N, C-alpha and C. Protein backbone atom coordinates (compact mmCIF):
# COMPACT_ATOMS: atom_id res chain seq x y z
N UNK A 1 20.77 5.03 45.46
CA UNK A 1 20.35 3.63 45.57
C UNK A 1 18.92 3.45 45.03
N UNK A 2 18.04 4.43 45.43
CA UNK A 2 16.65 4.31 44.97
C UNK A 2 16.57 4.47 43.46
N UNK A 3 17.37 5.43 42.92
CA UNK A 3 17.35 5.62 41.47
C UNK A 3 17.80 4.36 40.75
N UNK A 4 18.81 3.67 41.33
CA UNK A 4 19.27 2.43 40.71
C UNK A 4 18.17 1.37 40.71
N UNK A 5 17.41 1.31 41.79
CA UNK A 5 16.31 0.34 41.86
C UNK A 5 15.22 0.66 40.84
N UNK A 6 15.00 1.97 40.61
CA UNK A 6 13.99 2.36 39.61
C UNK A 6 14.51 2.15 38.19
N UNK A 7 15.82 2.37 38.03
CA UNK A 7 16.41 2.24 36.69
C UNK A 7 16.32 0.81 36.19
N UNK A 8 16.49 -0.16 37.07
CA UNK A 8 16.50 -1.58 36.65
C UNK A 8 15.19 -1.98 35.96
N UNK A 9 14.02 -1.67 36.53
CA UNK A 9 12.78 -2.03 35.82
C UNK A 9 12.66 -1.34 34.45
N UNK A 10 13.14 -0.11 34.39
CA UNK A 10 13.07 0.59 33.10
C UNK A 10 13.93 -0.12 32.05
N UNK A 11 15.15 -0.49 32.43
CA UNK A 11 16.03 -1.18 31.49
C UNK A 11 15.44 -2.52 31.07
N UNK A 12 14.81 -3.21 32.05
CA UNK A 12 14.19 -4.50 31.72
C UNK A 12 13.01 -4.30 30.75
N UNK A 13 12.23 -3.24 30.99
CA UNK A 13 11.09 -2.98 30.11
C UNK A 13 11.55 -2.52 28.73
N UNK A 14 12.68 -1.85 28.69
CA UNK A 14 13.20 -1.31 27.43
C UNK A 14 13.84 -2.39 26.58
N UNK A 15 14.38 -3.42 27.21
CA UNK A 15 15.17 -4.42 26.48
C UNK A 15 14.42 -5.05 25.31
N UNK A 16 13.14 -5.47 25.46
CA UNK A 16 12.43 -6.04 24.29
C UNK A 16 12.30 -5.05 23.14
N UNK A 17 12.10 -3.77 23.48
CA UNK A 17 12.01 -2.76 22.41
C UNK A 17 13.33 -2.59 21.68
N UNK A 18 14.44 -2.61 22.46
CA UNK A 18 15.75 -2.49 21.82
C UNK A 18 16.04 -3.69 20.92
N UNK A 19 15.67 -4.89 21.40
CA UNK A 19 15.88 -6.09 20.58
C UNK A 19 15.04 -6.03 19.31
N UNK A 20 13.79 -5.56 19.45
CA UNK A 20 12.93 -5.44 18.27
C UNK A 20 13.51 -4.43 17.28
N UNK A 21 14.07 -3.34 17.81
CA UNK A 21 14.69 -2.33 16.94
C UNK A 21 15.86 -2.92 16.17
N UNK A 22 16.69 -3.73 16.83
CA UNK A 22 17.84 -4.33 16.16
C UNK A 22 17.41 -5.34 15.11
N UNK A 23 16.39 -6.15 15.42
CA UNK A 23 15.96 -7.21 14.49
C UNK A 23 15.20 -6.65 13.29
N UNK A 24 14.44 -5.58 13.52
CA UNK A 24 13.60 -5.05 12.45
C UNK A 24 14.27 -3.96 11.63
N UNK A 25 15.43 -3.49 12.09
CA UNK A 25 16.08 -2.38 11.40
C UNK A 25 16.40 -2.71 9.95
N UNK A 26 16.73 -3.96 9.65
CA UNK A 26 17.05 -4.33 8.28
C UNK A 26 15.86 -4.81 7.48
N UNK A 27 14.69 -4.96 8.15
CA UNK A 27 13.52 -5.48 7.47
C UNK A 27 12.49 -4.40 7.17
N UNK A 28 12.41 -3.40 8.04
CA UNK A 28 11.45 -2.32 7.82
C UNK A 28 12.00 -1.29 6.83
N UNK A 29 11.14 -0.51 6.20
CA UNK A 29 11.63 0.61 5.39
C UNK A 29 12.47 1.55 6.24
N UNK A 30 13.45 2.20 5.61
CA UNK A 30 14.38 3.04 6.36
C UNK A 30 13.67 4.09 7.20
N UNK A 31 12.69 4.78 6.62
CA UNK A 31 12.00 5.85 7.34
C UNK A 31 11.28 5.31 8.56
N UNK A 32 10.59 4.16 8.42
CA UNK A 32 9.86 3.58 9.55
C UNK A 32 10.80 3.12 10.63
N UNK A 33 11.92 2.50 10.22
CA UNK A 33 12.90 2.03 11.21
C UNK A 33 13.50 3.21 11.98
N UNK A 34 13.80 4.30 11.31
CA UNK A 34 14.38 5.46 11.99
C UNK A 34 13.37 6.13 12.91
N UNK A 35 12.10 6.12 12.55
CA UNK A 35 11.09 6.68 13.45
C UNK A 35 10.95 5.83 14.71
N UNK A 36 11.04 4.52 14.53
CA UNK A 36 10.99 3.64 15.70
C UNK A 36 12.19 3.91 16.60
N UNK A 37 13.37 4.03 15.98
CA UNK A 37 14.57 4.32 16.76
C UNK A 37 14.50 5.67 17.43
N UNK A 38 13.90 6.65 16.76
CA UNK A 38 13.78 7.98 17.35
C UNK A 38 12.84 7.95 18.55
N UNK A 39 11.75 7.19 18.45
CA UNK A 39 10.83 7.08 19.57
C UNK A 39 11.51 6.43 20.77
N UNK A 40 12.31 5.39 20.51
CA UNK A 40 13.04 4.73 21.60
C UNK A 40 14.06 5.69 22.22
N UNK A 41 14.74 6.47 21.38
CA UNK A 41 15.70 7.44 21.90
C UNK A 41 15.02 8.52 22.74
N UNK A 42 13.84 8.96 22.30
CA UNK A 42 13.10 9.96 23.06
C UNK A 42 12.72 9.42 24.44
N UNK A 43 12.30 8.14 24.48
CA UNK A 43 11.96 7.51 25.77
C UNK A 43 13.19 7.44 26.66
N UNK A 44 14.34 7.10 26.10
CA UNK A 44 15.58 7.05 26.89
C UNK A 44 15.94 8.43 27.44
N UNK A 45 15.84 9.46 26.61
CA UNK A 45 16.19 10.80 27.06
C UNK A 45 15.28 11.25 28.19
N UNK A 46 13.98 10.95 28.06
CA UNK A 46 13.04 11.33 29.11
C UNK A 46 13.30 10.55 30.39
N UNK A 47 13.50 9.25 30.25
CA UNK A 47 13.76 8.41 31.43
C UNK A 47 15.06 8.82 32.11
N UNK A 48 16.09 9.12 31.33
CA UNK A 48 17.36 9.54 31.93
C UNK A 48 17.22 10.83 32.70
N UNK A 49 16.40 11.74 32.18
CA UNK A 49 16.18 13.01 32.88
C UNK A 49 15.43 12.79 34.18
N UNK A 50 14.37 11.97 34.11
CA UNK A 50 13.57 11.72 35.32
C UNK A 50 14.38 10.97 36.37
N UNK A 51 15.14 9.96 35.92
CA UNK A 51 15.91 9.14 36.86
C UNK A 51 17.25 9.77 37.23
N UNK A 52 17.57 10.88 36.57
CA UNK A 52 18.86 11.55 36.79
C UNK A 52 20.03 10.60 36.49
N UNK A 53 19.88 9.98 35.33
CA UNK A 53 20.93 9.07 34.86
C UNK A 53 21.50 9.65 33.56
N UNK A 54 22.62 10.37 33.64
CA UNK A 54 23.17 11.01 32.44
C UNK A 54 23.48 10.04 31.32
N UNK A 55 23.91 8.81 31.68
CA UNK A 55 24.26 7.87 30.63
C UNK A 55 23.04 7.45 29.81
N UNK A 56 21.87 7.33 30.50
CA UNK A 56 20.64 6.98 29.77
C UNK A 56 20.19 8.17 28.91
N UNK A 57 20.28 9.36 29.49
CA UNK A 57 19.92 10.56 28.73
C UNK A 57 20.79 10.70 27.48
N UNK A 58 22.09 10.51 27.65
CA UNK A 58 23.00 10.64 26.51
C UNK A 58 22.71 9.58 25.46
N UNK A 59 22.41 8.38 25.93
CA UNK A 59 22.08 7.30 24.98
C UNK A 59 20.84 7.68 24.17
N UNK A 60 19.85 8.25 24.84
CA UNK A 60 18.64 8.66 24.14
C UNK A 60 18.88 9.81 23.17
N UNK A 61 19.65 10.80 23.62
CA UNK A 61 19.93 11.95 22.76
C UNK A 61 20.71 11.51 21.52
N UNK A 62 21.69 10.61 21.72
CA UNK A 62 22.47 10.13 20.57
C UNK A 62 21.58 9.40 19.58
N UNK A 63 20.68 8.58 20.10
CA UNK A 63 19.80 7.81 19.20
C UNK A 63 18.84 8.75 18.45
N UNK A 64 18.29 9.74 19.15
CA UNK A 64 17.38 10.68 18.51
C UNK A 64 18.11 11.49 17.44
N UNK A 65 19.33 11.93 17.77
CA UNK A 65 20.09 12.74 16.81
C UNK A 65 20.43 11.93 15.57
N UNK A 66 20.85 10.69 15.77
CA UNK A 66 21.22 9.86 14.63
C UNK A 66 19.98 9.56 13.76
N UNK A 67 18.86 9.23 14.42
CA UNK A 67 17.65 8.93 13.66
C UNK A 67 17.17 10.16 12.90
N UNK A 68 17.28 11.34 13.53
CA UNK A 68 16.86 12.57 12.86
C UNK A 68 17.70 12.83 11.62
N UNK A 69 19.02 12.64 11.74
CA UNK A 69 19.89 12.87 10.58
C UNK A 69 19.59 11.88 9.45
N UNK A 70 19.36 10.63 9.81
CA UNK A 70 19.07 9.63 8.78
C UNK A 70 17.72 9.89 8.12
N UNK A 71 16.74 10.34 8.91
CA UNK A 71 15.44 10.68 8.33
C UNK A 71 15.58 11.86 7.36
N UNK A 72 16.39 12.83 7.76
CA UNK A 72 16.61 13.98 6.88
C UNK A 72 17.31 13.56 5.59
N UNK A 73 18.30 12.69 5.73
CA UNK A 73 19.01 12.21 4.55
C UNK A 73 18.08 11.44 3.62
N UNK A 74 17.21 10.62 4.22
CA UNK A 74 16.26 9.85 3.42
C UNK A 74 15.29 10.78 2.70
N UNK A 75 14.84 11.84 3.40
CA UNK A 75 13.92 12.80 2.78
C UNK A 75 14.60 13.53 1.62
N UNK A 76 15.83 13.96 1.84
CA UNK A 76 16.55 14.66 0.77
C UNK A 76 16.76 13.76 -0.44
N UNK A 77 17.03 12.48 -0.17
CA UNK A 77 17.24 11.56 -1.28
C UNK A 77 15.95 11.36 -2.07
N UNK A 78 14.83 11.24 -1.36
CA UNK A 78 13.55 11.09 -2.07
C UNK A 78 13.22 12.34 -2.88
N UNK A 79 13.50 13.52 -2.30
CA UNK A 79 13.24 14.75 -3.04
C UNK A 79 14.13 14.85 -4.28
N UNK A 80 15.39 14.42 -4.12
CA UNK A 80 16.30 14.47 -5.27
C UNK A 80 15.82 13.53 -6.38
N UNK A 81 15.35 12.34 -5.99
CA UNK A 81 14.83 11.39 -6.99
C UNK A 81 13.61 11.97 -7.70
N UNK A 82 12.73 12.62 -6.92
CA UNK A 82 11.53 13.20 -7.52
C UNK A 82 11.90 14.32 -8.48
N UNK A 83 12.86 15.15 -8.09
CA UNK A 83 13.26 16.26 -8.97
C UNK A 83 13.93 15.75 -10.23
N UNK A 84 14.73 14.69 -10.08
CA UNK A 84 15.38 14.13 -11.26
C UNK A 84 14.35 13.54 -12.22
N UNK A 85 13.33 12.86 -11.66
CA UNK A 85 12.27 12.31 -12.52
C UNK A 85 11.51 13.43 -13.21
N UNK A 86 11.25 14.52 -12.45
CA UNK A 86 10.54 15.66 -13.05
C UNK A 86 11.37 16.29 -14.16
N UNK A 87 12.68 16.38 -13.94
CA UNK A 87 13.55 16.95 -14.96
C UNK A 87 13.53 16.11 -16.24
N UNK A 88 13.54 14.78 -16.06
CA UNK A 88 13.47 13.91 -17.25
C UNK A 88 12.16 14.10 -17.99
N UNK A 89 11.06 14.21 -17.23
CA UNK A 89 9.76 14.42 -17.87
C UNK A 89 9.72 15.76 -18.60
N UNK A 90 10.29 16.79 -17.96
CA UNK A 90 10.32 18.11 -18.61
C UNK A 90 11.11 18.07 -19.91
N UNK A 91 12.26 17.40 -19.87
CA UNK A 91 13.07 17.29 -21.07
C UNK A 91 12.33 16.55 -22.19
N UNK A 92 11.64 15.49 -21.79
CA UNK A 92 10.90 14.71 -22.79
C UNK A 92 9.76 15.53 -23.39
N UNK A 93 9.02 16.23 -22.51
CA UNK A 93 7.92 17.07 -23.01
C UNK A 93 8.45 18.18 -23.91
N UNK A 94 9.60 18.78 -23.51
CA UNK A 94 10.17 19.84 -24.33
C UNK A 94 10.57 19.34 -25.71
N UNK A 95 11.17 18.14 -25.74
CA UNK A 95 11.58 17.58 -27.03
C UNK A 95 10.37 17.27 -27.90
N UNK A 96 9.30 16.73 -27.27
CA UNK A 96 8.10 16.42 -28.03
C UNK A 96 7.44 17.69 -28.57
N UNK A 97 7.40 18.74 -27.72
CA UNK A 97 6.79 19.99 -28.16
C UNK A 97 7.59 20.61 -29.29
N UNK A 98 8.93 20.57 -29.17
CA UNK A 98 9.77 21.13 -30.23
C UNK A 98 9.58 20.36 -31.54
N UNK A 99 9.49 19.03 -31.44
CA UNK A 99 9.28 18.23 -32.64
C UNK A 99 7.93 18.56 -33.28
N UNK A 100 6.90 18.73 -32.43
CA UNK A 100 5.58 19.05 -32.97
C UNK A 100 5.60 20.40 -33.68
N UNK A 101 6.28 21.38 -33.08
CA UNK A 101 6.34 22.70 -33.71
C UNK A 101 7.14 22.68 -35.00
N UNK A 102 8.23 21.89 -35.00
CA UNK A 102 9.00 21.79 -36.24
C UNK A 102 8.15 21.17 -37.36
N UNK A 103 7.38 20.14 -37.00
CA UNK A 103 6.54 19.50 -38.01
C UNK A 103 5.47 20.46 -38.52
N UNK A 104 4.87 21.21 -37.58
CA UNK A 104 3.85 22.18 -37.98
C UNK A 104 4.46 23.27 -38.85
N UNK A 105 5.69 23.67 -38.50
CA UNK A 105 6.37 24.70 -39.29
C UNK A 105 6.64 24.18 -40.70
N UNK A 106 7.08 22.94 -40.80
CA UNK A 106 7.34 22.37 -42.13
C UNK A 106 6.05 22.30 -42.96
N UNK A 107 4.95 21.91 -42.28
CA UNK A 107 3.69 21.81 -43.01
C UNK A 107 3.23 23.19 -43.49
N UNK A 108 3.33 24.20 -42.58
CA UNK A 108 2.91 25.54 -43.00
C UNK A 108 3.81 26.08 -44.11
N UNK A 109 5.11 25.79 -43.99
CA UNK A 109 6.03 26.26 -45.03
C UNK A 109 5.73 25.58 -46.37
N UNK A 110 5.43 24.27 -46.30
CA UNK A 110 5.11 23.55 -47.54
C UNK A 110 3.84 24.09 -48.16
N UNK A 111 2.84 24.38 -47.28
CA UNK A 111 1.59 24.94 -47.81
C UNK A 111 1.84 26.30 -48.44
N UNK A 112 2.71 27.08 -47.76
CA UNK A 112 3.01 28.41 -48.30
C UNK A 112 3.71 28.33 -49.64
N UNK A 113 4.65 27.38 -49.75
CA UNK A 113 5.36 27.23 -51.02
C UNK A 113 4.43 26.72 -52.11
N UNK A 114 3.54 25.79 -51.74
CA UNK A 114 2.58 25.30 -52.74
C UNK A 114 1.69 26.43 -53.23
N UNK A 115 1.22 27.24 -52.25
CA UNK A 115 0.35 28.35 -52.63
C UNK A 115 1.12 29.36 -53.49
N UNK A 116 2.40 29.56 -53.09
CA UNK A 116 3.22 30.49 -53.87
C UNK A 116 3.43 29.97 -55.29
N UNK A 117 3.65 28.64 -55.38
CA UNK A 117 3.81 28.06 -56.72
C UNK A 117 2.55 28.22 -57.57
N UNK A 118 1.39 28.03 -56.90
CA UNK A 118 0.12 28.18 -57.62
C UNK A 118 -0.08 29.63 -58.07
N UNK A 119 0.25 30.53 -57.11
CA UNK A 119 0.10 31.95 -57.45
C UNK A 119 1.05 32.33 -58.59
N UNK A 120 2.28 31.79 -58.49
CA UNK A 120 3.26 32.09 -59.53
C UNK A 120 2.80 31.59 -60.89
N UNK A 121 2.29 30.35 -60.89
CA UNK A 121 1.83 29.79 -62.16
C UNK A 121 0.64 30.58 -62.71
N UNK A 122 -0.28 30.95 -61.80
CA UNK A 122 -1.45 31.72 -62.25
C UNK A 122 -1.04 33.10 -62.73
N UNK A 123 -0.12 33.70 -61.99
CA UNK A 123 0.32 35.03 -62.39
C UNK A 123 1.03 35.00 -63.73
N UNK A 124 1.85 33.95 -63.92
CA UNK A 124 2.57 33.84 -65.19
C UNK A 124 1.60 33.64 -66.35
N UNK A 125 0.55 32.83 -66.06
CA UNK A 125 -0.42 32.60 -67.12
C UNK A 125 -1.17 33.87 -67.46
N UNK A 126 -1.52 34.59 -66.39
CA UNK A 126 -2.21 35.86 -66.62
C UNK A 126 -1.29 36.85 -67.33
N UNK A 127 -0.04 36.84 -66.89
CA UNK A 127 0.91 37.75 -67.52
C UNK A 127 1.11 37.40 -68.99
N UNK A 128 1.14 36.09 -69.25
CA UNK A 128 1.31 35.68 -70.64
C UNK A 128 0.14 36.13 -71.50
N UNK A 129 -1.06 35.96 -70.93
CA UNK A 129 -2.24 36.38 -71.68
C UNK A 129 -2.25 37.89 -71.89
N UNK A 130 -1.86 38.61 -70.79
CA UNK A 130 -1.83 40.06 -70.94
C UNK A 130 -0.73 40.50 -71.90
N UNK A 131 0.41 39.75 -71.85
CA UNK A 131 1.51 40.11 -72.74
C UNK A 131 1.12 39.90 -74.20
N UNK A 132 0.35 38.86 -74.39
CA UNK A 132 -0.10 38.63 -75.77
C UNK A 132 -1.02 39.73 -76.23
N UNK A 133 -1.70 40.34 -75.28
CA UNK A 133 -2.67 41.37 -75.65
C UNK A 133 -2.07 42.78 -75.56
N UNK A 134 -1.27 42.96 -74.55
CA UNK A 134 -0.82 44.34 -74.31
C UNK A 134 0.66 44.52 -74.66
N UNK A 135 1.57 43.92 -73.78
CA UNK A 135 2.99 44.14 -74.08
C UNK A 135 3.83 43.31 -73.14
N UNK A 136 5.10 43.22 -73.47
CA UNK A 136 6.03 42.44 -72.65
C UNK A 136 6.26 43.07 -71.28
N UNK A 137 6.03 44.37 -71.14
CA UNK A 137 6.25 45.05 -69.86
C UNK A 137 5.29 44.56 -68.79
N UNK A 138 4.04 44.30 -69.16
CA UNK A 138 3.07 43.81 -68.19
C UNK A 138 3.43 42.39 -67.74
N UNK A 139 3.97 41.59 -68.63
CA UNK A 139 4.38 40.24 -68.26
C UNK A 139 5.52 40.29 -67.23
N UNK A 140 6.47 41.19 -67.41
CA UNK A 140 7.58 41.33 -66.47
C UNK A 140 7.08 41.74 -65.08
N UNK A 141 6.09 42.61 -65.04
CA UNK A 141 5.54 43.05 -63.76
C UNK A 141 4.86 41.90 -63.03
N UNK A 142 4.16 41.06 -63.78
CA UNK A 142 3.50 39.92 -63.16
C UNK A 142 4.51 38.93 -62.59
N UNK A 143 5.61 38.70 -63.35
CA UNK A 143 6.66 37.80 -62.85
C UNK A 143 7.27 38.34 -61.56
N UNK A 144 7.42 39.66 -61.49
CA UNK A 144 8.00 40.27 -60.29
C UNK A 144 7.10 40.08 -59.08
N UNK A 145 5.81 40.23 -59.29
CA UNK A 145 4.88 40.04 -58.18
C UNK A 145 4.91 38.58 -57.69
N UNK A 146 4.96 37.65 -58.60
CA UNK A 146 5.00 36.23 -58.20
C UNK A 146 6.26 35.92 -57.40
N UNK A 147 7.40 36.46 -57.87
CA UNK A 147 8.66 36.23 -57.17
C UNK A 147 8.63 36.80 -55.76
N UNK A 148 8.01 37.97 -55.59
CA UNK A 148 7.91 38.60 -54.27
C UNK A 148 7.10 37.74 -53.31
N UNK A 149 6.01 37.19 -53.78
CA UNK A 149 5.17 36.34 -52.92
C UNK A 149 5.90 35.06 -52.50
N UNK A 150 6.68 34.50 -53.42
CA UNK A 150 7.45 33.30 -53.07
C UNK A 150 8.52 33.62 -52.03
N UNK A 151 9.17 34.75 -52.16
CA UNK A 151 10.19 35.16 -51.18
C UNK A 151 9.57 35.35 -49.79
N UNK A 152 8.36 35.92 -49.74
CA UNK A 152 7.67 36.11 -48.46
C UNK A 152 7.35 34.77 -47.82
N UNK A 153 6.93 33.79 -48.62
CA UNK A 153 6.63 32.47 -48.08
C UNK A 153 7.87 31.81 -47.50
N UNK A 154 8.99 31.96 -48.19
CA UNK A 154 10.24 31.40 -47.69
C UNK A 154 10.69 32.11 -46.41
N UNK A 155 10.44 33.42 -46.35
CA UNK A 155 10.80 34.17 -45.14
C UNK A 155 9.95 33.69 -43.96
N UNK A 156 8.67 33.46 -44.19
CA UNK A 156 7.81 32.94 -43.11
C UNK A 156 8.27 31.57 -42.64
N UNK A 157 8.71 30.75 -43.56
CA UNK A 157 9.22 29.44 -43.19
C UNK A 157 10.44 29.56 -42.29
N UNK A 158 11.35 30.46 -42.64
CA UNK A 158 12.56 30.65 -41.83
C UNK A 158 12.22 31.17 -40.45
N UNK A 159 11.23 32.07 -40.34
CA UNK A 159 10.85 32.62 -39.04
C UNK A 159 10.23 31.55 -38.14
N UNK A 160 9.36 30.72 -38.70
CA UNK A 160 8.71 29.67 -37.91
C UNK A 160 9.73 28.65 -37.42
N UNK A 161 10.67 28.29 -38.29
CA UNK A 161 11.72 27.34 -37.89
C UNK A 161 12.58 27.92 -36.78
N UNK A 162 12.88 29.21 -36.84
CA UNK A 162 13.69 29.86 -35.81
C UNK A 162 12.97 29.82 -34.46
N UNK A 163 11.65 30.08 -34.46
CA UNK A 163 10.88 30.03 -33.20
C UNK A 163 10.89 28.63 -32.61
N UNK A 164 10.72 27.61 -33.46
CA UNK A 164 10.72 26.23 -32.97
C UNK A 164 12.06 25.86 -32.36
N UNK A 165 13.16 26.28 -33.01
CA UNK A 165 14.49 25.97 -32.47
C UNK A 165 14.71 26.68 -31.13
N UNK A 166 14.25 27.92 -31.02
CA UNK A 166 14.41 28.65 -29.76
C UNK A 166 13.63 27.98 -28.64
N UNK A 167 12.44 27.47 -28.94
CA UNK A 167 11.63 26.76 -27.93
C UNK A 167 12.34 25.51 -27.45
N UNK A 168 12.92 24.77 -28.38
CA UNK A 168 13.64 23.54 -27.98
C UNK A 168 14.84 23.86 -27.10
N UNK A 169 15.58 24.90 -27.47
CA UNK A 169 16.76 25.27 -26.66
C UNK A 169 16.36 25.70 -25.26
N UNK A 170 15.24 26.44 -25.15
CA UNK A 170 14.79 26.85 -23.82
C UNK A 170 14.40 25.65 -22.97
N UNK A 171 13.72 24.66 -23.56
CA UNK A 171 13.34 23.46 -22.82
C UNK A 171 14.56 22.68 -22.37
N UNK A 172 15.58 22.62 -23.23
CA UNK A 172 16.79 21.90 -22.86
C UNK A 172 17.51 22.60 -21.71
N UNK A 173 17.53 23.95 -21.75
CA UNK A 173 18.19 24.67 -20.64
C UNK A 173 17.46 24.45 -19.32
N UNK A 174 16.11 24.49 -19.37
CA UNK A 174 15.37 24.24 -18.12
C UNK A 174 15.59 22.83 -17.61
N UNK A 175 15.60 21.86 -18.49
CA UNK A 175 15.81 20.48 -18.07
C UNK A 175 17.19 20.30 -17.45
N UNK A 176 18.21 20.96 -18.06
CA UNK A 176 19.56 20.85 -17.52
C UNK A 176 19.65 21.47 -16.12
N UNK A 177 18.97 22.62 -15.95
CA UNK A 177 19.00 23.27 -14.63
C UNK A 177 18.36 22.38 -13.58
N UNK A 178 17.25 21.72 -13.91
CA UNK A 178 16.58 20.85 -12.94
C UNK A 178 17.42 19.61 -12.63
N UNK A 179 18.10 19.08 -13.66
CA UNK A 179 18.98 17.93 -13.41
C UNK A 179 20.14 18.32 -12.51
N UNK A 180 20.70 19.54 -12.73
CA UNK A 180 21.79 20.00 -11.86
C UNK A 180 21.31 20.14 -10.43
N UNK A 181 20.09 20.67 -10.26
CA UNK A 181 19.55 20.83 -8.90
C UNK A 181 19.32 19.47 -8.24
N UNK A 182 18.84 18.48 -9.04
CA UNK A 182 18.61 17.15 -8.50
C UNK A 182 19.92 16.52 -8.05
N UNK A 183 21.00 16.73 -8.87
CA UNK A 183 22.30 16.17 -8.47
C UNK A 183 22.81 16.83 -7.19
N UNK A 184 22.57 18.15 -7.06
CA UNK A 184 23.00 18.83 -5.83
C UNK A 184 22.26 18.28 -4.62
N UNK A 185 20.96 18.02 -4.76
CA UNK A 185 20.18 17.48 -3.64
C UNK A 185 20.65 16.08 -3.27
N UNK A 186 21.00 15.27 -4.29
CA UNK A 186 21.50 13.93 -4.01
C UNK A 186 22.84 13.99 -3.28
N UNK A 187 23.69 14.99 -3.67
CA UNK A 187 24.96 15.17 -2.97
C UNK A 187 24.73 15.56 -1.52
N UNK A 188 23.73 16.45 -1.29
CA UNK A 188 23.41 16.86 0.08
C UNK A 188 22.92 15.67 0.91
N UNK A 189 22.12 14.80 0.29
CA UNK A 189 21.63 13.62 0.98
C UNK A 189 22.79 12.69 1.36
N UNK A 190 23.74 12.52 0.42
CA UNK A 190 24.90 11.65 0.70
C UNK A 190 25.74 12.23 1.83
N UNK A 191 25.90 13.55 1.84
CA UNK A 191 26.69 14.17 2.91
C UNK A 191 25.99 14.04 4.25
N UNK A 192 24.64 14.17 4.24
CA UNK A 192 23.90 14.01 5.49
C UNK A 192 24.03 12.60 6.04
N UNK A 193 23.98 11.60 5.15
CA UNK A 193 24.16 10.21 5.60
C UNK A 193 25.56 9.99 6.16
N UNK A 194 26.55 10.60 5.49
CA UNK A 194 27.93 10.45 5.97
C UNK A 194 28.08 11.08 7.35
N UNK A 195 27.45 12.25 7.55
CA UNK A 195 27.52 12.89 8.87
C UNK A 195 26.87 12.01 9.93
N UNK A 196 25.73 11.42 9.59
CA UNK A 196 25.04 10.55 10.54
C UNK A 196 25.90 9.34 10.89
N UNK A 197 26.59 8.79 9.87
CA UNK A 197 27.43 7.62 10.12
C UNK A 197 28.63 7.99 11.00
N UNK A 198 29.23 9.16 10.72
CA UNK A 198 30.36 9.60 11.54
C UNK A 198 29.94 9.83 12.99
N UNK A 199 28.75 10.41 13.17
CA UNK A 199 28.24 10.64 14.52
C UNK A 199 28.01 9.32 15.24
N UNK A 200 27.47 8.34 14.49
CA UNK A 200 27.23 7.02 15.09
C UNK A 200 28.55 6.36 15.48
N UNK A 201 29.57 6.46 14.58
CA UNK A 201 30.87 5.87 14.90
C UNK A 201 31.50 6.53 16.12
N UNK A 202 31.38 7.87 16.20
CA UNK A 202 31.94 8.59 17.33
C UNK A 202 31.23 8.19 18.62
N UNK A 203 29.91 8.05 18.55
CA UNK A 203 29.14 7.65 19.74
C UNK A 203 29.55 6.26 20.21
N UNK A 204 29.69 5.35 19.25
CA UNK A 204 30.08 3.97 19.62
C UNK A 204 31.48 3.95 20.22
N UNK A 205 32.37 4.77 19.64
CA UNK A 205 33.74 4.82 20.18
C UNK A 205 33.73 5.37 21.60
N UNK A 206 32.91 6.39 21.84
CA UNK A 206 32.83 6.97 23.18
C UNK A 206 32.30 5.95 24.18
N UNK A 207 31.29 5.22 23.75
CA UNK A 207 30.72 4.21 24.65
C UNK A 207 31.77 3.13 24.97
N UNK A 208 32.55 2.72 23.95
CA UNK A 208 33.57 1.70 24.21
C UNK A 208 34.63 2.22 25.17
N UNK A 209 34.99 3.49 24.99
CA UNK A 209 35.99 4.08 25.92
C UNK A 209 35.47 4.10 27.33
N UNK A 210 34.19 4.44 27.47
CA UNK A 210 33.63 4.49 28.82
C UNK A 210 33.58 3.11 29.46
N UNK A 211 33.24 2.11 28.63
CA UNK A 211 33.20 0.75 29.18
C UNK A 211 34.59 0.29 29.59
N UNK A 212 35.61 0.67 28.82
CA UNK A 212 36.95 0.29 29.18
C UNK A 212 37.43 0.98 30.45
N UNK A 213 36.99 2.26 30.61
CA UNK A 213 37.33 2.97 31.84
C UNK A 213 36.67 2.35 33.05
């Protein structure tokens, strides 16, 4: 009897907080609303324990559990969004870096070919002058040297292009891995929300059964 008399003032004092929770739940940010609900549930659990009212304790525990699950789901969703944004940034930076390296490779290759062409022209001129003075054999040797230098320049161009392509592929693989991880985190967040909703539905069904009994 005494516990019932003590319980009544608590329920009366709690009622404005419960009404505020219901009215503000759709207006406040999800995280803030769930923290408010968790605080109210904690108060119910403590009051139920002190007053030895299992129904109040259970009501508080249910509210705390549901709020905790929703807060966790909200946190996982925010983390997934952040990881997805980071993955997009990584992919963009990788593409920009690969493009920059390809452009630098083209410029170096063009410079190498220009230099090779100049060397070839100079060598041919020198060879021609020497051939006029000495013999056709010296001219052939000069042509061979020029051709070797041009081949080396082309080989350097191929090597630089290969490195740039490998860098781009590595950036794309890292970006894909981060996007996959972000999708997994979003799936985990969705599953956590679904669990919280099922727990809430089960709690409401239990309460309705008890009221009917």
